[in-house]
N, C-alpha and C. Protein backbone atom coordinates (compact mmCIF):
# COMPACT_ATOMS: atom_id res chain seq x y z
N MET A 1 -28.72 40.26 122.53
CA MET A 1 -27.75 39.87 121.84
C MET A 1 -27.11 41.02 121.16
N ILE A 2 -25.64 41.09 121.20
CA ILE A 2 -25.09 42.32 120.47
C ILE A 2 -24.85 41.78 118.99
N SER A 3 -24.75 42.82 118.17
CA SER A 3 -24.73 42.58 117.06
C SER A 3 -23.10 42.00 116.58
N ASP A 4 -23.18 41.35 115.53
CA ASP A 4 -21.80 40.72 115.02
C ASP A 4 -20.80 41.75 114.98
N GLN A 5 -21.23 42.98 114.35
CA GLN A 5 -20.37 43.99 114.21
C GLN A 5 -19.79 44.61 115.47
N ARG A 6 -20.53 44.82 116.37
CA ARG A 6 -20.09 45.34 117.59
C ARG A 6 -19.36 44.22 118.40
N ALA A 7 -19.69 43.01 118.38
CA ALA A 7 -18.87 41.90 119.10
C ALA A 7 -17.40 41.88 118.38
N ILE A 8 -17.33 41.96 117.07
CA ILE A 8 -16.04 42.06 116.44
C ILE A 8 -15.22 43.11 116.89
N ALA A 9 -15.81 44.21 116.90
CA ALA A 9 -14.87 45.31 117.50
C ALA A 9 -14.65 45.26 118.83
N ALA A 10 -15.62 44.69 119.51
CA ALA A 10 -15.21 44.38 121.10
C ALA A 10 -14.09 43.27 121.21
N ALA A 11 -14.24 42.48 120.40
CA ALA A 11 -13.18 41.24 120.43
C ALA A 11 -11.76 41.64 120.27
N TRP A 12 -11.74 42.59 119.09
CA TRP A 12 -10.36 43.05 118.85
C TRP A 12 -9.83 44.02 119.97
N GLN A 13 -10.87 44.83 120.25
CA GLN A 13 -10.35 45.83 121.42
C GLN A 13 -9.99 45.05 122.84
N LEU A 14 -10.87 43.87 123.20
CA LEU A 14 -10.42 43.21 124.21
C LEU A 14 -9.05 42.42 124.03
N SER A 15 -8.91 42.01 122.84
CA SER A 15 -7.51 41.42 122.63
C SER A 15 -6.40 42.32 122.66
N ALA A 16 -6.62 43.62 122.23
CA ALA A 16 -5.37 44.63 122.43
C ALA A 16 -5.39 44.74 123.82
N ASP A 17 -6.29 45.03 124.39
CA ASP A 17 -6.19 45.31 126.07
C ASP A 17 -5.54 44.01 126.83
N GLY A 18 -6.03 42.86 126.35
CA GLY A 18 -5.49 41.64 127.20
C GLY A 18 -4.06 41.49 126.72
N ASP A 19 -3.52 41.68 125.30
CA ASP A 19 -2.18 41.59 125.09
C ASP A 19 -1.35 42.43 125.76
N GLN A 20 -1.84 43.81 125.99
CA GLN A 20 -1.11 44.83 127.06
C GLN A 20 -1.09 44.36 128.40
N ARG A 21 -1.99 43.70 128.97
CA ARG A 21 -1.74 43.34 130.18
C ARG A 21 -0.94 42.05 130.37
N LEU A 22 -1.03 41.25 129.54
CA LEU A 22 0.03 40.15 129.36
C LEU A 22 1.31 40.53 129.27
N ALA A 23 1.59 41.68 128.65
CA ALA A 23 2.99 42.12 128.78
C ALA A 23 3.43 42.80 130.05
N ARG A 24 2.44 43.22 130.67
CA ARG A 24 2.60 44.05 132.04
C ARG A 24 2.97 43.02 133.12
N ALA A 25 2.16 42.08 133.17
CA ALA A 25 2.24 40.97 134.50
C ALA A 25 1.86 39.88 133.87
N SER A 26 2.49 38.84 134.89
CA SER A 26 2.29 37.41 134.30
C SER A 26 0.85 37.16 134.79
N THR A 27 0.35 37.55 136.00
CA THR A 27 -0.85 37.20 136.45
C THR A 27 -2.10 37.83 135.63
N ALA A 28 -1.77 38.80 134.72
CA ALA A 28 -2.77 39.41 133.74
C ALA A 28 -3.28 38.36 132.88
N HIS A 29 -2.70 37.15 132.52
CA HIS A 29 -3.29 36.32 131.47
C HIS A 29 -4.37 35.92 131.78
N VAL A 30 -4.75 35.62 133.02
CA VAL A 30 -6.11 35.02 133.45
C VAL A 30 -7.28 36.09 133.14
N ALA A 31 -7.18 37.29 133.53
CA ALA A 31 -8.15 38.36 132.91
C ALA A 31 -8.32 38.57 131.53
N ALA A 32 -7.06 38.78 130.91
CA ALA A 32 -6.93 38.90 129.36
C ALA A 32 -7.65 37.64 128.66
N CYS A 33 -7.41 36.49 128.93
CA CYS A 33 -7.89 35.35 128.38
C CYS A 33 -9.54 35.28 128.69
N HIS A 34 -10.10 35.67 129.80
CA HIS A 34 -11.35 35.57 130.27
C HIS A 34 -12.12 36.65 129.23
N ASP A 35 -11.44 37.96 129.24
CA ASP A 35 -11.95 38.98 128.30
C ASP A 35 -12.01 38.40 126.81
N ILE A 36 -11.17 37.71 126.14
CA ILE A 36 -11.02 37.42 125.03
C ILE A 36 -12.21 36.14 124.46
N ASP A 37 -11.99 35.41 125.66
CA ASP A 37 -12.99 34.09 125.57
C ASP A 37 -14.33 34.83 125.35
N GLN A 38 -14.83 35.99 126.41
CA GLN A 38 -16.26 36.43 126.64
C GLN A 38 -16.45 36.88 125.05
N ALA A 39 -15.64 37.79 124.57
CA ALA A 39 -15.91 38.33 123.34
C ALA A 39 -16.16 37.38 122.26
N LEU A 40 -15.30 36.35 122.24
CA LEU A 40 -15.42 35.20 121.27
C LEU A 40 -16.91 34.36 121.32
N LEU A 41 -17.28 34.29 122.53
CA LEU A 41 -18.54 33.58 122.80
C LEU A 41 -19.53 34.46 122.34
N HIS A 42 -19.66 35.52 122.38
CA HIS A 42 -20.48 36.61 121.85
C HIS A 42 -20.54 36.53 120.29
N LEU A 43 -19.31 36.54 119.78
CA LEU A 43 -19.38 36.42 118.20
C LEU A 43 -19.81 35.38 117.48
N LEU A 44 -19.71 34.03 118.21
CA LEU A 44 -20.34 32.96 117.84
C LEU A 44 -22.03 32.70 118.27
N GLY A 45 -22.20 33.48 119.27
CA GLY A 45 -23.76 33.61 119.70
C GLY A 45 -24.07 32.05 120.27
N GLU A 46 -23.16 31.55 120.79
CA GLU A 46 -23.42 30.03 121.35
C GLU A 46 -22.81 30.08 122.84
N ARG A 47 -23.02 30.92 123.73
CA ARG A 47 -22.26 31.24 124.78
C ARG A 47 -22.54 30.14 125.80
N ARG A 48 -23.72 29.73 126.11
CA ARG A 48 -24.03 28.41 126.93
C ARG A 48 -23.35 27.22 126.66
N GLN A 49 -23.42 26.93 125.22
CA GLN A 49 -22.86 25.59 124.70
C GLN A 49 -21.39 25.50 124.94
N VAL A 50 -20.66 26.72 124.22
CA VAL A 50 -19.15 26.82 124.45
C VAL A 50 -18.64 26.85 125.90
N VAL A 51 -19.35 27.53 126.78
CA VAL A 51 -19.04 27.46 128.32
C VAL A 51 -18.89 26.17 128.80
N ARG A 52 -19.87 25.59 128.51
CA ARG A 52 -20.13 23.99 128.86
C ARG A 52 -18.74 23.24 128.42
N TRP A 53 -18.68 23.39 127.22
CA TRP A 53 -17.39 22.76 126.42
C TRP A 53 -16.44 22.84 126.98
N LEU A 54 -15.94 24.39 127.21
CA LEU A 54 -14.84 24.70 127.95
C LEU A 54 -14.60 24.27 129.44
N ARG A 55 -15.74 24.00 130.37
CA ARG A 55 -15.67 23.60 131.33
C ARG A 55 -15.85 22.31 131.59
N ARG A 56 -15.47 21.22 130.71
CA ARG A 56 -15.43 20.02 130.91
C ARG A 56 -14.37 19.42 131.77
N PRO A 57 -14.43 18.34 132.56
CA PRO A 57 -13.46 17.88 133.26
C PRO A 57 -11.92 17.79 132.40
N GLN A 58 -12.27 17.07 131.17
CA GLN A 58 -10.78 17.14 130.51
C GLN A 58 -10.90 18.29 129.63
N PRO A 59 -9.91 19.20 129.58
CA PRO A 59 -9.94 20.38 128.83
C PRO A 59 -10.05 19.91 127.31
N PRO A 60 -10.78 20.68 126.34
CA PRO A 60 -10.96 20.35 125.06
C PRO A 60 -9.61 20.63 124.42
N LEU A 61 -9.13 19.70 123.35
CA LEU A 61 -8.07 19.86 122.82
C LEU A 61 -8.05 20.45 121.34
N TYR A 62 -7.07 21.15 121.03
CA TYR A 62 -7.03 21.62 119.62
C TYR A 62 -5.64 21.37 118.98
N HIS A 63 -5.59 20.39 117.91
CA HIS A 63 -4.54 19.91 117.54
C HIS A 63 -3.62 19.10 118.56
N GLY A 64 -4.24 18.40 119.51
CA GLY A 64 -3.80 17.56 120.31
C GLY A 64 -3.10 18.55 121.60
N ARG A 65 -3.54 19.83 121.73
CA ARG A 65 -3.04 20.66 122.69
C ARG A 65 -4.31 21.07 123.54
N PRO A 66 -4.14 21.29 124.81
CA PRO A 66 -5.29 21.58 125.62
C PRO A 66 -5.53 23.21 125.23
N LEU A 67 -7.15 23.39 124.87
CA LEU A 67 -7.27 24.83 124.35
C LEU A 67 -7.00 25.83 125.68
N ASP A 68 -7.28 25.48 126.74
CA ASP A 68 -7.03 26.39 127.72
C ASP A 68 -5.37 26.91 127.93
N ILE A 69 -4.61 26.00 127.42
CA ILE A 69 -3.17 26.57 127.46
C ILE A 69 -3.06 27.41 126.40
N ILE A 70 -3.74 27.03 125.05
CA ILE A 70 -3.39 27.69 124.00
C ILE A 70 -4.11 29.15 124.14
N LEU A 71 -5.27 29.35 124.72
CA LEU A 71 -5.69 30.50 125.02
C LEU A 71 -5.01 31.60 125.85
N ALA A 72 -4.15 30.68 126.93
CA ALA A 72 -3.49 31.53 127.58
C ALA A 72 -2.35 32.21 127.17
N THR A 73 -2.13 32.21 125.96
CA THR A 73 -0.83 33.04 125.26
C THR A 73 -1.37 33.94 124.30
N PRO A 74 -0.87 35.15 124.00
CA PRO A 74 -1.34 35.71 123.06
C PRO A 74 -1.50 35.21 121.47
N ALA A 75 -0.39 34.64 121.34
CA ALA A 75 -0.40 34.06 120.07
C ALA A 75 -1.55 33.00 119.79
N GLY A 76 -1.81 32.09 120.92
CA GLY A 76 -2.60 31.17 120.76
C GLY A 76 -4.19 31.62 120.70
N ALA A 77 -4.38 32.67 121.54
CA ALA A 77 -5.70 33.38 121.66
C ALA A 77 -6.03 33.89 120.09
N HIS A 78 -4.88 34.44 119.51
CA HIS A 78 -5.18 35.39 118.25
C HIS A 78 -5.26 34.17 117.20
N GLN A 79 -4.84 32.98 117.22
CA GLN A 79 -4.95 31.89 116.38
C GLN A 79 -6.54 31.29 116.43
N ILE A 80 -6.89 31.17 117.73
CA ILE A 80 -8.28 30.74 117.85
C ILE A 80 -9.31 31.74 117.41
N ARG A 81 -8.86 33.03 117.74
CA ARG A 81 -9.87 34.19 117.33
C ARG A 81 -10.08 34.23 115.75
N ARG A 82 -8.80 33.96 115.18
CA ARG A 82 -8.91 33.84 113.60
C ARG A 82 -9.71 32.73 113.01
N LEU A 83 -9.65 31.70 113.72
CA LEU A 83 -10.40 30.38 113.45
C LEU A 83 -12.01 30.84 113.34
N LEU A 84 -12.23 31.48 114.52
CA LEU A 84 -13.52 31.80 114.88
C LEU A 84 -14.14 32.84 113.93
N LEU A 85 -13.37 33.75 113.49
CA LEU A 85 -13.80 34.87 112.46
C LEU A 85 -13.84 33.96 111.12
N ALA A 86 -13.11 33.05 110.93
CA ALA A 86 -13.32 32.48 109.37
C ALA A 86 -14.61 31.61 109.59
N GLU A 87 -15.03 31.10 110.57
CA GLU A 87 -16.27 30.35 110.82
C GLU A 87 -17.31 31.46 110.44
N LEU A 88 -17.24 32.69 111.19
CA LEU A 88 -18.42 33.66 110.75
C LEU A 88 -18.13 34.16 109.36
N ALA A 89 -17.08 34.21 108.68
CA ALA A 89 -16.99 34.48 107.27
C ALA A 89 -17.70 33.56 106.45
N ALA A 90 -17.48 32.30 106.88
CA ALA A 90 -18.15 31.14 106.17
C ALA A 90 -19.68 31.18 105.99
N ARG A 91 -20.05 31.61 107.46
CA ARG A 91 -21.53 31.88 107.62
C ARG A 91 -22.25 32.77 106.67
N ASP A 92 -21.35 34.03 106.69
CA ASP A 92 -22.01 35.04 105.84
C ASP A 92 -20.84 35.74 105.07
N PRO A 93 -20.48 35.14 103.80
CA PRO A 93 -19.48 35.51 103.07
C PRO A 93 -19.42 36.94 102.56
N GLY A 94 -20.48 37.64 102.62
CA GLY A 94 -20.60 38.96 102.28
C GLY A 94 -20.36 40.04 103.25
N ASP A 95 -20.11 39.67 104.68
CA ASP A 95 -20.14 40.39 105.63
C ASP A 95 -18.58 41.22 105.44
N GLY A 96 -18.59 42.57 105.24
CA GLY A 96 -17.31 43.15 105.12
C GLY A 96 -16.68 43.36 106.62
N ILE A 97 -17.30 43.37 107.42
CA ILE A 97 -16.69 43.57 108.78
C ILE A 97 -15.83 42.41 109.11
N VAL A 98 -16.29 41.22 108.97
CA VAL A 98 -15.52 40.06 109.29
C VAL A 98 -14.30 39.94 108.48
N ALA A 99 -14.66 40.23 107.11
CA ALA A 99 -13.50 40.17 106.22
C ALA A 99 -12.34 41.17 106.42
N ALA A 100 -12.67 42.34 107.01
CA ALA A 100 -11.64 43.38 107.27
C ALA A 100 -10.99 42.71 108.61
N ALA A 101 -11.86 42.16 109.52
CA ALA A 101 -11.20 41.58 110.76
C ALA A 101 -10.22 40.60 110.62
N LEU A 102 -10.61 39.67 109.35
CA LEU A 102 -9.64 38.55 109.19
C LEU A 102 -8.33 39.26 108.34
N ALA A 103 -8.47 40.39 107.77
CA ALA A 103 -7.37 41.02 107.03
C ALA A 103 -6.23 41.53 107.90
N ARG A 104 -6.68 41.58 109.15
CA ARG A 104 -5.61 42.16 110.23
C ARG A 104 -4.68 41.39 110.39
């Protein structure tokens, strides 16, 4: 398992890369979202459980909207990423790396 600091750095880099790909081509959103999803799953350290949750026959909902649709947009992925970082911050309030990532 990679450390939280490395996972956070990877998540932000993958997000930036993903956002650039989204801007270049409409089909890039699949790869970008996959990259972001993988980085976020590593952040939480609950990869198997979250993958099962995302692959349910009915897509999971977030405030009444399908989560896969939310993750397919840069703004939506950023929103979910911030929620997950907030969860990490709540688990370890003294973690300066998470606090810095949330401040972005």
